[in-house]
Amino acid sequence: MPEQRKNSYLEGKNVTKHFGGVAALSEVTFNVSKGELLCIIGPNGSGKTTLLNMITSVSALTGGEIWFKGGKLHGLASHQICKLGISRTFQDLQIFNDLSVIENLMVSCWKEHYANPLEIMLRLRRARKEEREAYARGMEILSMFELDKKASSMPLSLPFRERKFVGIARALATNPELLLLDEPAGGLSVEEVKELSRVILKLHEQGITIIFIEHRMEMVNEISHRVIVLNYGRKIAEGSFDEIKRNQEVISAYLG
């Protein structure tokens, strides 16, 4: 029977990651409550993306433990973690440029699909039904971003802002309850950041717990409930934005 931990939503204890002799994360401990909107900040190279990679098993822990809803995540494959209800975006988007926008979302609906390869290849009834459902779900999500009219477009034909939104929409197609966003505002204008903030708040209102990495402090201030600050792979502070912006160690390492 798998090891369990009670009264915990997402929890990391002494999370450590070494790349050779370099410590990307050193004994980082954290807790995330269900329904929280948490931001992770820190200088480049401080371990922010590495922490998301540890949660989603993009790479394996060197030491420590990560738990989600009482069950351990460390040791699971990325697709198993996705099935548990955790999805993410990446800094470099990682969308399929040779698939249309709607096809990008449809391939992310695999969690709800049960047709086997033969049924899909022969386009039997269950496969056709699941394809229709995936299309409908994809279009519903795209409409949230006002991208439904561009469903048949190829991603590289879209402006950068819209490609960013396709990446978030694709993560949502897995029907997550915990969404991890890696620098979602990177490369966006001031007005586009405001639009993105509205989108994230709308997703949060729908019941999704969100962790996001961000350098745009105006966005962090506006939407985060709590902030964790990393520096050289260690957690140096956590609290509200008002609390961390007055923290002298944070000012010296990052905000100053």
C-alpha atoms as a PDB file:
ATOM      1  CA  MET A   1       0.000   0.000   0.000  1.00  0.00           C
ATOM      2  CA  PRO A   2       1.470   3.426  -0.963  1.00  0.00           C
ATOM      3  CA  GLU A   3       2.773   5.603   1.819  1.00  0.00           C
ATOM      4  CA  GLN A   4       0.303   8.324   2.817  1.00  0.00           C
ATOM      5  CA  ARG A   5       0.460  11.671   4.582  1.00  0.00           C
ATOM      6  CA  LYS A   6      -2.686  13.220   6.045  1.00  0.00           C
ATOM      7  CA  ASN A   7      -3.881  16.841   6.178  1.00  0.00           C
ATOM      8  CA  SER A   8      -1.627  17.985   3.353  1.00  0.00           C
ATOM      9  CA  TYR A   9      -2.363  19.309  -0.137  1.00  0.00           C
ATOM     10  CA  LEU A  10       1.068  19.880  -1.711  1.00  0.00           C
ATOM     11  CA  GLU A  11       4.074  19.529   0.547  1.00  0.00           C
ATOM     12  CA  GLY A  12       7.801  19.367  -0.041  1.00  0.00           C
ATOM     13  CA  LYS A  13      10.291  18.433   2.654  1.00  0.00           C
ATOM     14  CA  ASN A  14      14.024  19.056   2.256  1.00  0.00           C
ATOM     15  CA  VAL A  15      13.707  19.013  -1.542  1.00  0.00           C
ATOM     16  CA  THR A  16      17.214  18.793  -2.981  1.00  0.00           C
ATOM     17  CA  LYS A  17      18.550  18.597  -6.532  1.00  0.00           C
ATOM     18  CA  HIS A  18      22.202  18.303  -7.544  1.00  0.00           C
ATOM     19  CA  PHE A  19      23.525  18.529 -11.089  1.00  0.00           C
ATOM     20  CA  GLY A  20      26.983  17.059 -10.661  1.00  0.00           C
ATOM     21  CA  GLY A  21      28.645  19.171  -7.996  1.00  0.00           C
ATOM     22  CA  VAL A  22      26.138  22.027  -8.357  1.00  0.00           C
ATOM     23  CA  ALA A  23      23.227  22.254  -5.881  1.00  0.00           C
ATOM     24  CA  ALA A  24      20.268  23.658  -7.821  1.00  0.00           C
ATOM     25  CA  LEU A  25      18.022  23.149  -4.759  1.00  0.00           C
ATOM     26  CA  SER A  26      19.175  22.646  -1.178  1.00  0.00           C
ATOM     27  CA  GLU A  27      16.716  21.280   1.390  1.00  0.00           C
ATOM     28  CA  VAL A  28      13.755  23.420   0.322  1.00  0.00           C
ATOM     29  CA  THR A  29      10.668  22.796   2.449  1.00  0.00           C
ATOM     30  CA  PHE A  30       7.275  24.193   1.461  1.00  0.00           C
ATOM     31  CA  ASN A  31       3.523  23.745   1.879  1.00  0.00           C
ATOM     32  CA  VAL A  32       0.774  24.808  -0.516  1.00  0.00           C
ATOM     33  CA  SER A  33      -2.862  24.930   0.589  1.00  0.00           C
ATOM     34  CA  LYS A  34      -5.722  23.912  -1.671  1.00  0.00           C
ATOM     35  CA  GLY A  35      -7.142  27.026  -3.325  1.00  0.00           C
ATOM     36  CA  GLU A  36      -3.972  29.044  -2.862  1.00  0.00           C
ATOM     37  CA  LEU A  37      -2.406  31.352  -5.446  1.00  0.00           C
ATOM     38  CA  LEU A  38       1.305  31.078  -4.686  1.00  0.00           C
ATOM     39  CA  CYS A  39       4.161  32.865  -6.444  1.00  0.00           C
ATOM     40  CA  ILE A  40       7.807  31.791  -6.484  1.00  0.00           C
ATOM     41  CA  ILE A  41      10.365  34.528  -7.114  1.00  0.00           C
ATOM     42  CA  GLY A  42      14.125  34.868  -7.057  1.00  0.00           C
ATOM     43  CA  PRO A  43      17.124  35.718  -9.236  1.00  0.00           C
ATOM     44  CA  ASN A  44      17.871  33.769 -12.417  1.00  0.00           C
ATOM     45  CA  GLY A  45      19.401  30.434 -11.488  1.00  0.00           C
ATOM     46  CA  SER A  46      17.907  30.401  -8.006  1.00  0.00           C
ATOM     47  CA  GLY A  47      16.111  27.062  -8.532  1.00  0.00           C
ATOM     48  CA  LYS A  48      12.563  28.199  -9.351  1.00  0.00           C
ATOM     49  CA  THR A  49      12.051  26.123 -12.503  1.00  0.00           C
ATOM     50  CA  THR A  50      13.977  23.239 -10.955  1.00  0.00           C
ATOM     51  CA  LEU A  51      11.403  23.162  -8.151  1.00  0.00           C
ATOM     52  CA  LEU A  52       8.537  22.874 -10.657  1.00  0.00           C
ATOM     53  CA  ASN A  53      10.512  20.151 -12.431  1.00  0.00           C
ATOM     54  CA  MET A  54      10.773  18.251  -9.152  1.00  0.00           C
ATOM     55  CA  ILE A  55       7.019  18.518  -8.500  1.00  0.00           C
ATOM     56  CA  THR A  56       6.183  17.233 -12.000  1.00  0.00           C
ATOM     57  CA  SER A  57       9.007  14.650 -12.223  1.00  0.00           C
ATOM     58  CA  VAL A  58      10.594  16.291 -15.249  1.00  0.00           C
ATOM     59  CA  SER A  59      13.759  15.328 -13.379  1.00  0.00           C
ATOM     60  CA  ALA A  60      14.255  13.208 -10.285  1.00  0.00           C
ATOM     61  CA  LEU A  61      14.934  14.364  -6.746  1.00  0.00           C
ATOM     62  CA  THR A  62      18.432  14.000  -5.361  1.00  0.00           C
ATOM     63  CA  GLY A  63      16.999  14.135  -1.849  1.00  0.00           C
ATOM     64  CA  GLY A  64      13.857  14.987   0.084  1.00  0.00           C
ATOM     65  CA  GLU A  65      10.172  14.209  -0.435  1.00  0.00           C
ATOM     66  CA  ILE A  66       7.185  15.724  -2.249  1.00  0.00           C
ATOM     67  CA  TRP A  67       3.587  14.831  -1.373  1.00  0.00           C
ATOM     68  CA  PHE A  68       0.267  15.656  -3.057  1.00  0.00           C
ATOM     69  CA  LYS A  69      -3.041  15.045  -1.266  1.00  0.00           C
ATOM     70  CA  GLY A  70      -1.381  12.563   1.073  1.00  0.00           C
ATOM     71  CA  GLY A  71       0.459  10.503  -1.541  1.00  0.00           C
ATOM     72  CA  LYS A  72       4.084  10.783  -2.548  1.00  0.00           C
ATOM     73  CA  LEU A  73       4.986  12.244  -5.943  1.00  0.00           C
ATOM     74  CA  HIS A  74       8.685  11.386  -5.929  1.00  0.00           C
ATOM     75  CA  GLY A  75       9.193   8.209  -7.916  1.00  0.00           C
ATOM     76  CA  LEU A  76       6.160   8.715 -10.173  1.00  0.00           C
ATOM     77  CA  ALA A  77       6.445   9.415 -13.904  1.00  0.00           C
ATOM     78  CA  SER A  78       5.276  12.758 -15.297  1.00  0.00           C
ATOM     79  CA  HIS A  79       2.196  11.228 -16.961  1.00  0.00           C
ATOM     80  CA  GLN A  80       1.188   9.643 -13.646  1.00  0.00           C
ATOM     81  CA  ILE A  81       1.474  13.026 -11.917  1.00  0.00           C
ATOM     82  CA  CYS A  82      -0.671  14.574 -14.648  1.00  0.00           C
ATOM     83  CA  LYS A  83      -3.302  11.910 -14.018  1.00  0.00           C
ATOM     84  CA  LEU A  84      -3.352  12.933 -10.359  1.00  0.00           C
ATOM     85  CA  GLY A  85      -4.475  16.425 -11.415  1.00  0.00           C
ATOM     86  CA  ILE A  86      -1.240  18.435 -11.761  1.00  0.00           C
ATOM     87  CA  SER A  87      -0.449  20.244 -14.997  1.00  0.00           C
ATOM     88  CA  ARG A  88       2.099  22.874 -16.006  1.00  0.00           C
ATOM     89  CA  THR A  89       3.448  25.241 -18.628  1.00  0.00           C
ATOM     90  CA  PHE A  90       7.066  25.859 -19.597  1.00  0.00           C
ATOM     91  CA  GLN A  91       9.139  28.985 -20.180  1.00  0.00           C
ATOM     92  CA  ASP A  92       9.807  27.935 -23.773  1.00  0.00           C
ATOM     93  CA  LEU A  93       6.099  27.127 -24.410  1.00  0.00           C
ATOM     94  CA  GLN A  94       6.687  23.561 -25.735  1.00  0.00           C
ATOM     95  CA  ILE A  95       3.576  23.579 -27.891  1.00  0.00           C
ATOM     96  CA  PHE A  96       3.358  21.469 -31.050  1.00  0.00           C
ATOM     97  CA  ASN A  97       4.029  23.856 -33.935  1.00  0.00           C
ATOM     98  CA  ASP A  98       3.117  21.222 -36.537  1.00  0.00           C
ATOM     99  CA  LEU A  99      -0.383  20.804 -35.061  1.00  0.00           C
ATOM    100  CA  SER A 100      -3.200  23.331 -35.178  1.00  0.00           C
ATOM    101  CA  VAL A 101      -4.233  25.213 -32.047  1.00  0.00           C
ATOM    102  CA  ILE A 102      -7.232  22.958 -31.421  1.00  0.00           C
ATOM    103  CA  GLU A 103      -5.171  19.820 -32.095  1.00  0.00           C
ATOM    104  CA  ASN A 104      -2.688  20.975 -29.448  1.00  0.00           C
ATOM    105  CA  LEU A 105      -5.523  20.958 -26.919  1.00  0.00           C
ATOM    106  CA  MET A 106      -7.111  17.744 -28.153  1.00  0.00           C
ATOM    107  CA  VAL A 107      -3.941  15.707 -27.632  1.00  0.00           C
ATOM    108  CA  SER A 108      -3.895  16.963 -24.038  1.00  0.00           C
ATOM    109  CA  CYS A 109      -7.305  15.423 -23.304  1.00  0.00           C
ATOM    110  CA  TRP A 110      -5.804  11.917 -23.154  1.00  0.00           C
ATOM    111  CA  LYS A 111      -6.605  11.562 -19.436  1.00  0.00           C
ATOM    112  CA  GLU A 112     -10.294  11.189 -20.256  1.00  0.00           C
ATOM    113  CA  HIS A 113      -9.760   8.775 -23.179  1.00  0.00           C
ATOM    114  CA  TYR A 114     -10.116   5.001 -23.066  1.00  0.00           C
ATOM    115  CA  ALA A 115     -10.120   3.969 -26.734  1.00  0.00           C
ATOM    116  CA  ASN A 116      -7.283   1.588 -27.569  1.00  0.00           C
ATOM    117  CA  PRO A 117      -4.910   2.060 -30.528  1.00  0.00           C
ATOM    118  CA  LEU A 118      -6.912  -0.292 -32.756  1.00  0.00           C
ATOM    119  CA  GLU A 119     -10.153   1.603 -32.062  1.00  0.00           C
ATOM    120  CA  ILE A 120      -8.399   4.854 -32.883  1.00  0.00           C
ATOM    121  CA  MET A 121      -6.779   3.519 -36.052  1.00  0.00           C
ATOM    122  CA  LEU A 122     -10.078   2.087 -37.336  1.00  0.00           C
ATOM    123  CA  ARG A 123     -12.018   5.124 -36.060  1.00  0.00           C
ATOM    124  CA  LEU A 124     -14.489   2.941 -34.192  1.00  0.00           C
ATOM    125  CA  ARG A 125     -17.401   4.377 -32.218  1.00  0.00           C
ATOM    126  CA  ARG A 126     -15.645   4.992 -28.894  1.00  0.00           C
ATOM    127  CA  ALA A 127     -12.674   6.659 -30.597  1.00  0.00           C
ATOM    128  CA  ARG A 128     -14.953   8.957 -32.619  1.00  0.00           C
ATOM    129  CA  LYS A 129     -16.943   9.858 -29.505  1.00  0.00           C
ATOM    130  CA  GLU A 130     -13.810  10.722 -27.544  1.00  0.00           C
ATOM    131  CA  GLU A 131     -12.512  12.806 -30.466  1.00  0.00           C
ATOM    132  CA  ARG A 132     -15.756  14.822 -30.507  1.00  0.00           C
ATOM    133  CA  GLU A 133     -15.565  15.322 -26.744  1.00  0.00           C
ATOM    134  CA  ALA A 134     -11.936  16.436 -26.943  1.00  0.00           C
ATOM    135  CA  TYR A 135     -12.797  18.924 -29.693  1.00  0.00           C
ATOM    136  CA  ALA A 136     -15.691  20.354 -27.678  1.00  0.00           C
ATOM    137  CA  ARG A 137     -13.572  20.671 -24.543  1.00  0.00           C
ATOM    138  CA  GLY A 138     -10.748  22.267 -26.491  1.00  0.00           C
ATOM    139  CA  MET A 139     -13.064  24.835 -28.051  1.00  0.00           C
ATOM    140  CA  GLU A 140     -14.586  25.638 -24.664  1.00  0.00           C
ATOM    141  CA  ILE A 141     -11.140  26.342 -23.221  1.00  0.00           C
ATOM    142  CA  LEU A 142     -10.045  28.384 -26.252  1.00  0.00           C
ATOM    143  CA  SER A 143     -13.138  30.566 -25.891  1.00  0.00           C
ATOM    144  CA  MET A 144     -11.890  31.571 -22.416  1.00  0.00           C
ATOM    145  CA  PHE A 145      -8.865  33.100 -24.133  1.00  0.00           C
ATOM    146  CA  GLU A 146     -10.875  34.416 -27.110  1.00  0.00           C
ATOM    147  CA  LEU A 147      -8.919  32.048 -29.329  1.00  0.00           C
ATOM    148  CA  ASP A 148     -11.802  29.877 -30.532  1.00  0.00           C
ATOM    149  CA  LYS A 149     -11.861  31.715 -33.876  1.00  0.00           C
ATOM    150  CA  LYS A 150      -8.209  30.735 -34.355  1.00  0.00           C
ATOM    151  CA  ALA A 151      -8.671  27.064 -33.491  1.00  0.00           C
ATOM    152  CA  SER A 152      -7.596  25.897 -36.952  1.00  0.00           C
ATOM    153  CA  SER A 153      -4.564  28.234 -37.091  1.00  0.00           C
ATOM    154  CA  MET A 154      -1.017  26.960 -36.752  1.00  0.00           C
ATOM    155  CA  PRO A 155       0.738  28.243 -33.593  1.00  0.00           C
ATOM    156  CA  LEU A 156       3.603  29.970 -35.422  1.00  0.00           C
ATOM    157  CA  SER A 157       1.086  32.139 -37.293  1.00  0.00           C
ATOM    158  CA  LEU A 158      -0.103  33.645 -33.987  1.00  0.00           C
ATOM    159  CA  PRO A 159       1.320  36.638 -32.100  1.00  0.00           C
ATOM    160  CA  PHE A 160       3.547  35.749 -29.142  1.00  0.00           C
ATOM    161  CA  ARG A 161       0.848  36.677 -26.598  1.00  0.00           C
ATOM    162  CA  GLU A 162      -1.594  34.226 -28.179  1.00  0.00           C
ATOM    163  CA  ARG A 163       1.007  31.450 -28.308  1.00  0.00           C
ATOM    164  CA  LYS A 164       1.508  32.003 -24.566  1.00  0.00           C
ATOM    165  CA  PHE A 165      -2.229  31.554 -24.053  1.00  0.00           C
ATOM    166  CA  VAL A 166      -2.238  28.388 -26.185  1.00  0.00           C
ATOM    167  CA  GLY A 167       0.358  26.948 -23.793  1.00  0.00           C
ATOM    168  CA  ILE A 168      -1.832  27.713 -20.780  1.00  0.00           C
ATOM    169  CA  ALA A 169      -4.937  26.438 -22.579  1.00  0.00           C
ATOM    170  CA  ARG A 170      -3.194  23.162 -23.387  1.00  0.00           C
ATOM    171  CA  ALA A 171      -2.284  22.701 -19.719  1.00  0.00           C
ATOM    172  CA  LEU A 172      -5.936  23.300 -18.820  1.00  0.00           C
ATOM    173  CA  ALA A 173      -7.073  20.640 -21.287  1.00  0.00           C
ATOM    174  CA  THR A 174      -5.774  17.993 -18.871  1.00  0.00           C
ATOM    175  CA  ASN A 175      -8.430  19.212 -16.392  1.00  0.00           C
ATOM    176  CA  PRO A 176      -5.970  20.006 -13.572  1.00  0.00           C
ATOM    177  CA  GLU A 177      -6.796  20.943 -10.010  1.00  0.00           C
ATOM    178  CA  LEU A 178      -3.219  22.209  -9.494  1.00  0.00           C
ATOM    179  CA  LEU A 179      -1.713  24.374 -12.250  1.00  0.00           C
ATOM    180  CA  LEU A 180       1.974  25.339 -12.379  1.00  0.00           C
ATOM    181  CA  LEU A 181       2.901  28.317 -14.570  1.00  0.00           C
ATOM    182  CA  ASP A 182       6.563  28.963 -15.375  1.00  0.00           C
ATOM    183  CA  GLU A 183       7.060  32.700 -16.040  1.00  0.00           C
ATOM    184  CA  PRO A 184       3.728  33.150 -17.844  1.00  0.00           C
ATOM    185  CA  ALA A 185       4.287  36.925 -18.252  1.00  0.00           C
ATOM    186  CA  GLY A 186       7.736  36.617 -19.830  1.00  0.00           C
ATOM    187  CA  GLY A 187       7.948  38.723 -22.991  1.00  0.00           C
ATOM    188  CA  LEU A 188       4.521  40.336 -22.565  1.00  0.00           C
ATOM    189  CA  SER A 189       3.753  44.051 -22.578  1.00  0.00           C
ATOM    190  CA  VAL A 190       2.330  45.890 -19.577  1.00  0.00           C
ATOM    191  CA  GLU A 191      -1.211  45.662 -20.949  1.00  0.00           C
ATOM    192  CA  GLU A 192      -0.773  41.990 -21.843  1.00  0.00           C
ATOM    193  CA  VAL A 193       0.425  41.276 -18.285  1.00  0.00           C
ATOM    194  CA  LYS A 194      -2.771  42.862 -16.961  1.00  0.00           C
ATOM    195  CA  GLU A 195      -4.797  40.667 -19.307  1.00  0.00           C
ATOM    196  CA  LEU A 196      -2.885  37.587 -18.162  1.00  0.00           C
ATOM    197  CA  SER A 197      -3.495  38.509 -14.511  1.00  0.00           C
ATOM    198  CA  ARG A 198      -7.232  38.624 -15.199  1.00  0.00           C
ATOM    199  CA  VAL A 199      -7.065  35.187 -16.838  1.00  0.00           C
ATOM    200  CA  ILE A 200      -5.160  33.665 -13.901  1.00  0.00           C
ATOM    201  CA  LEU A 201      -7.610  35.143 -11.403  1.00  0.00           C
ATOM    202  CA  LYS A 202     -10.518  33.759 -13.430  1.00  0.00           C
ATOM    203  CA  LEU A 203      -8.952  30.281 -13.402  1.00  0.00           C
ATOM    204  CA  HIS A 204      -8.419  30.570  -9.656  1.00  0.00           C
ATOM    205  CA  GLU A 205     -12.068  31.533  -9.174  1.00  0.00           C
ATOM    206  CA  GLN A 206     -12.984  28.285 -10.921  1.00  0.00           C
ATOM    207  CA  GLY A 207     -11.297  26.357  -8.117  1.00  0.00           C
ATOM    208  CA  ILE A 208      -7.824  25.726  -9.538  1.00  0.00           C
ATOM    209  CA  THR A 209      -4.886  25.987  -7.149  1.00  0.00           C
ATOM    210  CA  ILE A 210      -2.087  27.878  -8.894  1.00  0.00           C
ATOM    211  CA  ILE A 211       1.660  28.142  -8.395  1.00  0.00           C
ATOM    212  CA  PHE A 212       3.435  30.547 -10.707  1.00  0.00           C
ATOM    213  CA  ILE A 213       7.006  31.727 -11.193  1.00  0.00           C
ATOM    214  CA  GLU A 214       7.297  35.392 -12.081  1.00  0.00           C
ATOM    215  CA  HIS A 215       9.694  38.313 -12.407  1.00  0.00           C
ATOM    216  CA  ARG A 216       7.021  40.965 -12.989  1.00  0.00           C
ATOM    217  CA  MET A 217       6.565  42.334  -9.497  1.00  0.00           C
ATOM    218  CA  GLU A 218       3.435  44.312 -10.378  1.00  0.00           C
ATOM    219  CA  MET A 219       1.749  41.007 -11.248  1.00  0.00           C
ATOM    220  CA  VAL A 220       3.075  39.266  -8.131  1.00  0.00           C
ATOM    221  CA  ASN A 221       1.755  42.112  -5.982  1.00  0.00           C
ATOM    222  CA  GLU A 222      -1.640  42.132  -7.669  1.00  0.00           C
ATOM    223  CA  ILE A 223      -2.631  38.466  -7.641  1.00  0.00           C
ATOM    224  CA  SER A 224      -0.504  36.347  -5.280  1.00  0.00           C
ATOM    225  CA  HIS A 225      -1.740  35.230  -1.874  1.00  0.00           C
ATOM    226  CA  ARG A 226       1.746  34.277  -0.721  1.00  0.00           C
ATOM    227  CA  VAL A 227       5.285  34.468  -2.073  1.00  0.00           C
ATOM    228  CA  ILE A 228       8.237  32.104  -1.673  1.00  0.00           C
ATOM    229  CA  VAL A 229      11.683  33.544  -2.408  1.00  0.00           C
ATOM    230  CA  LEU A 230      14.576  31.353  -3.549  1.00  0.00           C
ATOM    231  CA  ASN A 231      18.234  32.316  -3.843  1.00  0.00           C
ATOM    232  CA  TYR A 232      21.094  29.980  -4.765  1.00  0.00           C
ATOM    233  CA  GLY A 233      18.748  27.024  -4.403  1.00  0.00           C
ATOM    234  CA  ARG A 234      17.636  27.867  -0.870  1.00  0.00           C
ATOM    235  CA  LYS A 235      14.378  29.307   0.442  1.00  0.00           C
ATOM    236  CA  ILE A 236      15.276  32.636   2.042  1.00  0.00           C
ATOM    237  CA  ALA A 237      11.789  34.027   2.772  1.00  0.00           C
ATOM    238  CA  GLU A 238       8.068  33.458   2.441  1.00  0.00           C
ATOM    239  CA  GLY A 239       4.979  35.482   3.252  1.00  0.00           C
ATOM    240  CA  SER A 240       2.743  38.093   1.682  1.00  0.00           C
ATOM    241  CA  PHE A 241       4.192  40.385  -0.979  1.00  0.00           C
ATOM    242  CA  ASP A 242       4.208  43.254   1.529  1.00  0.00           C
ATOM    243  CA  GLU A 243       6.177  41.115   3.966  1.00  0.00           C
ATOM    244  CA  ILE A 244       8.798  39.886   1.529  1.00  0.00           C
ATOM    245  CA  LYS A 245       9.376  43.298  -0.063  1.00  0.00           C
ATOM    246  CA  ARG A 246      10.498  44.567   3.376  1.00  0.00           C
ATOM    247  CA  ASN A 247      12.749  41.572   4.039  1.00  0.00           C
ATOM    248  CA  GLN A 248      16.365  42.764   3.991  1.00  0.00           C
ATOM    249  CA  GLU A 249      17.726  39.458   2.716  1.00  0.00           C
ATOM    250  CA  VAL A 250      15.246  39.517  -0.177  1.00  0.00           C
ATOM    251  CA  ILE A 251      16.100  43.141  -0.946  1.00  0.00           C
ATOM    252  CA  SER A 252      19.812  42.310  -1.034  1.00  0.00           C
ATOM    253  CA  ALA A 253      19.387  39.152  -3.110  1.00  0.00           C
ATOM    254  CA  TYR A 254      16.701  40.218  -5.560  1.00  0.00           C
ATOM    255  CA  LEU A 255      14.533  43.301  -5.067  1.00  0.00           C
ATOM    256  CA  GLY A 256      17.282  45.807  -4.297  1.00  0.00           C
END
